[in-house]
């Protein structure tokens, strides 16, 4: 069963976040993941949620998603993202 990483991201330092964006795709691919959503326009329909940026990744399983997030390969990029942006993120099992 696929695993999905869904994140709402609020970028505070665009230059530093750009560095993060250069590093992260290779780490996602290394764990079998791919982008489904990477930014883009949003349209609020219910609940008053107005995210600044939404990212959605698909992995072969939630276990692979967890391995990616906690990996030594992603760690340097994660450190940059934590400085450049705040986020709310979940890993969810899907179909």
Protein backbone atom coordinates (compact mmCIF):
# COMPACT_ATOMS: atom_id res chain seq x y z
CA UNK A 1 0.00 0.00 0.00
CA UNK A 2 1.38 3.41 -0.96
CA UNK A 3 2.48 5.94 1.63
CA UNK A 4 2.00 9.65 1.19
CA UNK A 5 3.76 12.61 2.75
CA UNK A 6 1.53 15.67 2.82
CA UNK A 7 3.01 18.96 3.95
CA UNK A 8 1.86 22.53 4.31
CA UNK A 9 4.92 24.77 4.08
CA UNK A 10 5.36 28.43 4.98
CA UNK A 11 8.66 29.71 3.54
CA UNK A 12 10.43 32.41 5.57
CA UNK A 13 13.77 32.48 3.71
CA UNK A 14 13.32 32.04 -0.03
CA UNK A 15 17.05 31.83 -0.84
CA UNK A 16 17.70 29.12 1.73
CA UNK A 17 14.55 27.26 0.66
CA UNK A 18 15.83 27.31 -2.94
CA UNK A 19 18.93 25.47 -1.73
CA UNK A 20 16.68 22.91 -0.03
CA UNK A 21 14.74 22.45 -3.27
CA UNK A 22 17.96 21.57 -5.11
CA UNK A 23 18.93 18.87 -2.60
CA UNK A 24 15.67 17.10 -1.81
CA UNK A 25 14.50 15.53 -5.12
CA UNK A 26 17.40 13.05 -5.29
CA UNK A 27 16.72 11.90 -1.73
CA UNK A 28 13.04 11.33 -2.50
CA UNK A 29 13.88 9.31 -5.61
CA UNK A 30 16.44 7.25 -3.69
CA UNK A 31 13.63 5.96 -1.45
CA UNK A 32 11.27 5.25 -4.35
CA UNK A 33 9.27 8.43 -3.92
CA UNK A 34 7.96 10.99 -6.35
CA UNK A 35 6.30 14.38 -6.25
CA UNK A 36 2.54 14.47 -6.83
CA UNK A 37 2.18 18.12 -5.80
CA UNK A 38 4.97 20.66 -5.41
CA UNK A 39 3.64 24.11 -4.68
CA UNK A 40 1.23 25.57 -7.17
CA UNK A 41 -1.95 27.56 -6.76
CA UNK A 42 -4.48 26.48 -4.15
CA UNK A 43 -8.19 27.19 -3.92
CA UNK A 44 -9.89 26.95 -0.54
CA UNK A 45 -13.30 25.29 -0.67
CA UNK A 46 -14.13 24.45 2.96
CA UNK A 47 -12.90 25.02 6.47
CA UNK A 48 -10.99 28.25 6.03
CA UNK A 49 -7.68 26.48 5.35
CA UNK A 50 -5.44 28.78 3.27
CA UNK A 51 -2.08 27.05 2.88
CA UNK A 52 0.81 29.03 1.45
CA UNK A 53 2.43 25.98 -0.16
CA UNK A 54 1.37 22.33 -0.34
CA UNK A 55 3.64 19.40 -1.15
CA UNK A 56 2.50 15.80 -1.61
CA UNK A 57 4.88 12.90 -2.13
CA UNK A 58 4.07 9.29 -2.94
CA UNK A 59 6.24 6.41 -1.74
CA UNK A 60 5.79 2.66 -2.24
CA UNK A 61 4.80 2.38 1.45
CA UNK A 62 4.54 4.41 4.65
CA UNK A 63 7.66 2.57 5.83
CA UNK A 64 9.61 3.93 2.84
CA UNK A 65 8.28 7.42 3.55
CA UNK A 66 9.47 7.14 7.16
CA UNK A 67 12.87 5.80 6.08
CA UNK A 68 13.26 8.75 3.70
CA UNK A 69 12.30 11.34 6.34
CA UNK A 70 14.72 9.89 8.91
CA UNK A 71 17.51 9.08 6.43
CA UNK A 72 21.07 10.37 6.50
CA UNK A 73 20.60 11.37 2.86
CA UNK A 74 17.69 13.71 3.67
CA UNK A 75 19.18 15.07 6.93
CA UNK A 76 21.22 17.93 5.36
CA UNK A 77 18.23 19.08 3.30
CA UNK A 78 15.91 18.81 6.31
CA UNK A 79 18.27 21.00 8.33
CA UNK A 80 18.02 23.66 5.62
CA UNK A 81 14.24 23.41 5.44
CA UNK A 82 13.89 23.77 9.20
CA UNK A 83 15.82 27.06 8.97
CA UNK A 84 14.06 28.30 5.83
CA UNK A 85 10.43 27.38 6.52
CA UNK A 86 7.90 26.08 9.00
CA UNK A 87 5.72 23.13 8.08
CA UNK A 88 2.92 20.86 9.16
CA UNK A 89 3.47 17.37 7.81
CA UNK A 90 1.82 13.96 7.98
CA UNK A 91 2.57 10.53 6.59
CA UNK A 92 -0.61 8.73 5.60
CA UNK A 93 -1.30 5.26 4.23
CA UNK A 94 -3.16 5.24 0.95
CA UNK A 95 -4.34 2.96 -1.80
